């Protein structure tokens, strides 16, 4: 079913319109958008960020593990990994429920 006639010469290209709109914006608009941008974390995001800020990071231990991996001597203990994951999840859930 034909609704109307189509004239390709008068049709606009939506992609071309988008490109020209972006080129026409002046620098002050970009500055305003940047200055007014605000970011906030949810309670869960804050808890995760705080958990990652642990000052007990041991760079020497990381280097020992990296060297063991390079030497092919590093052995993965899946039970220990699972136990740590569960403990970390429980800790995060406890922190979240306390707020």
C-alpha atoms as a PDB file:
ATOM      1  CA  UNK A   1       0.000   0.000   0.000  1.00  0.00           C
ATOM      2  CA  UNK A   2       1.463   3.330  -1.021  1.00  0.00           C
ATOM      3  CA  UNK A   3       0.781   6.233   1.355  1.00  0.00           C
ATOM      4  CA  UNK A   4       2.483   9.064  -0.420  1.00  0.00           C
ATOM      5  CA  UNK A   5       5.175   9.884  -2.911  1.00  0.00           C
ATOM      6  CA  UNK A   6       8.839   9.814  -1.981  1.00  0.00           C
ATOM      7  CA  UNK A   7      11.239  12.378  -3.379  1.00  0.00           C
ATOM      8  CA  UNK A   8      14.834  11.367  -2.504  1.00  0.00           C
ATOM      9  CA  UNK A   9      16.099  14.861  -3.372  1.00  0.00           C
ATOM     10  CA  UNK A  10      13.990  16.481  -0.645  1.00  0.00           C
ATOM     11  CA  UNK A  11      14.514  13.752   1.983  1.00  0.00           C
ATOM     12  CA  UNK A  12      16.807  14.607   4.880  1.00  0.00           C
ATOM     13  CA  UNK A  13      19.456  12.285   6.206  1.00  0.00           C
ATOM     14  CA  UNK A  14      19.046  11.947   9.998  1.00  0.00           C
ATOM     15  CA  UNK A  15      22.703  10.980  10.406  1.00  0.00           C
ATOM     16  CA  UNK A  16      23.854  14.081   8.574  1.00  0.00           C
ATOM     17  CA  UNK A  17      21.599  16.219  10.781  1.00  0.00           C
ATOM     18  CA  UNK A  18      23.154  14.738  13.906  1.00  0.00           C
ATOM     19  CA  UNK A  19      26.669  15.445  12.682  1.00  0.00           C
ATOM     20  CA  UNK A  20      25.909  19.057  11.827  1.00  0.00           C
ATOM     21  CA  UNK A  21      24.150  19.695  15.134  1.00  0.00           C
ATOM     22  CA  UNK A  22      27.233  18.522  17.004  1.00  0.00           C
ATOM     23  CA  UNK A  23      29.477  20.750  14.915  1.00  0.00           C
ATOM     24  CA  UNK A  24      27.306  23.824  15.497  1.00  0.00           C
ATOM     25  CA  UNK A  25      27.394  23.697  19.311  1.00  0.00           C
ATOM     26  CA  UNK A  26      29.722  26.280  20.788  1.00  0.00           C
ATOM     27  CA  UNK A  27      32.360  25.699  23.429  1.00  0.00           C
ATOM     28  CA  UNK A  28      30.410  27.359  26.259  1.00  0.00           C
ATOM     29  CA  UNK A  29      27.687  24.702  26.001  1.00  0.00           C
ATOM     30  CA  UNK A  30      30.268  21.960  26.521  1.00  0.00           C
ATOM     31  CA  UNK A  31      31.738  23.794  29.525  1.00  0.00           C
ATOM     32  CA  UNK A  32      28.321  24.234  31.109  1.00  0.00           C
ATOM     33  CA  UNK A  33      27.547  20.541  30.721  1.00  0.00           C
ATOM     34  CA  UNK A  34      30.860  19.565  32.292  1.00  0.00           C
ATOM     35  CA  UNK A  35      30.584  22.003  35.180  1.00  0.00           C
ATOM     36  CA  UNK A  36      27.061  20.918  36.075  1.00  0.00           C
ATOM     37  CA  UNK A  37      27.696  17.151  35.898  1.00  0.00           C
ATOM     38  CA  UNK A  38      27.227  15.388  39.230  1.00  0.00           C
ATOM     39  CA  UNK A  39      27.897  11.805  40.171  1.00  0.00           C
ATOM     40  CA  UNK A  40      26.640  10.006  43.259  1.00  0.00           C
ATOM     41  CA  UNK A  41      27.031   6.419  44.396  1.00  0.00           C
ATOM     42  CA  UNK A  42      24.325   4.211  45.831  1.00  0.00           C
ATOM     43  CA  UNK A  43      24.831   2.694  49.276  1.00  0.00           C
ATOM     44  CA  UNK A  44      26.045  -0.515  47.645  1.00  0.00           C
ATOM     45  CA  UNK A  45      28.457   1.376  45.399  1.00  0.00           C
ATOM     46  CA  UNK A  46      29.819   3.285  48.390  1.00  0.00           C
ATOM     47  CA  UNK A  47      30.325   0.048  50.330  1.00  0.00           C
ATOM     48  CA  UNK A  48      32.200  -1.478  47.411  1.00  0.00           C
ATOM     49  CA  UNK A  49      34.349   1.641  47.004  1.00  0.00           C
ATOM     50  CA  UNK A  50      35.201   1.621  50.725  1.00  0.00           C
ATOM     51  CA  UNK A  51      36.038  -2.088  50.613  1.00  0.00           C
ATOM     52  CA  UNK A  52      38.459  -1.396  47.756  1.00  0.00           C
ATOM     53  CA  UNK A  53      40.190   1.346  49.754  1.00  0.00           C
ATOM     54  CA  UNK A  54      41.735  -1.180  52.160  1.00  0.00           C
ATOM     55  CA  UNK A  55      45.178   0.093  53.225  1.00  0.00           C
ATOM     56  CA  UNK A  56      46.412  -3.473  53.794  1.00  0.00           C
ATOM     57  CA  UNK A  57      47.458  -3.868  50.136  1.00  0.00           C
ATOM     58  CA  UNK A  58      50.670  -5.889  50.052  1.00  0.00           C
ATOM     59  CA  UNK A  59      52.686  -5.013  46.942  1.00  0.00           C
ATOM     60  CA  UNK A  60      55.375  -7.576  47.813  1.00  0.00           C
ATOM     61  CA  UNK A  61      52.787 -10.360  47.980  1.00  0.00           C
ATOM     62  CA  UNK A  62      51.373  -9.297  44.617  1.00  0.00           C
ATOM     63  CA  UNK A  63      54.855  -9.429  43.113  1.00  0.00           C
ATOM     64  CA  UNK A  64      55.501 -12.903  44.595  1.00  0.00           C
ATOM     65  CA  UNK A  65      52.239 -14.184  43.107  1.00  0.00           C
ATOM     66  CA  UNK A  66      52.971 -12.565  39.745  1.00  0.00           C
ATOM     67  CA  UNK A  67      56.419 -14.181  39.696  1.00  0.00           C
ATOM     68  CA  UNK A  68      54.929 -17.584  40.567  1.00  0.00           C
ATOM     69  CA  UNK A  69      52.469 -17.197  37.674  1.00  0.00           C
ATOM     70  CA  UNK A  70      55.288 -16.261  35.287  1.00  0.00           C
ATOM     71  CA  UNK A  71      57.316 -19.276  36.471  1.00  0.00           C
ATOM     72  CA  UNK A  72      54.313 -21.595  36.099  1.00  0.00           C
ATOM     73  CA  UNK A  73      54.422 -22.484  39.797  1.00  0.00           C
ATOM     74  CA  UNK A  74      51.210 -20.778  40.942  1.00  0.00           C
ATOM     75  CA  UNK A  75      48.532 -23.234  42.048  1.00  0.00           C
ATOM     76  CA  UNK A  76      44.899 -22.210  42.346  1.00  0.00           C
ATOM     77  CA  UNK A  77      42.979 -23.410  45.403  1.00  0.00           C
ATOM     78  CA  UNK A  78      39.296 -23.207  44.378  1.00  0.00           C
ATOM     79  CA  UNK A  79      38.018 -23.951  47.896  1.00  0.00           C
ATOM     80  CA  UNK A  80      39.996 -21.073  49.373  1.00  0.00           C
ATOM     81  CA  UNK A  81      38.775 -18.713  46.608  1.00  0.00           C
ATOM     82  CA  UNK A  82      35.164 -19.757  47.195  1.00  0.00           C
ATOM     83  CA  UNK A  83      35.494 -19.259  50.965  1.00  0.00           C
ATOM     84  CA  UNK A  84      36.959 -15.762  50.486  1.00  0.00           C
ATOM     85  CA  UNK A  85      34.246 -14.797  47.970  1.00  0.00           C
ATOM     86  CA  UNK A  86      31.510 -15.907  50.360  1.00  0.00           C
ATOM     87  CA  UNK A  87      33.136 -14.079  53.293  1.00  0.00           C
ATOM     88  CA  UNK A  88      33.484 -10.871  51.237  1.00  0.00           C
ATOM     89  CA  UNK A  89      29.868 -11.087  50.065  1.00  0.00           C
ATOM     90  CA  UNK A  90      28.664 -11.612  53.636  1.00  0.00           C
ATOM     91  CA  UNK A  91      30.724  -8.642  54.801  1.00  0.00           C
ATOM     92  CA  UNK A  92      29.303  -6.388  52.080  1.00  0.00           C
ATOM     93  CA  UNK A  93      25.760  -7.539  52.826  1.00  0.00           C
ATOM     94  CA  UNK A  94      26.291  -6.850  56.527  1.00  0.00           C
ATOM     95  CA  UNK A  95      27.645  -3.368  55.821  1.00  0.00           C
ATOM     96  CA  UNK A  96      24.718  -2.660  53.484  1.00  0.00           C
ATOM     97  CA  UNK A  97      22.105  -3.905  55.963  1.00  0.00           C
ATOM     98  CA  UNK A  98      23.630  -1.766  58.757  1.00  0.00           C
ATOM     99  CA  UNK A  99      22.915   1.438  56.810  1.00  0.00           C
END
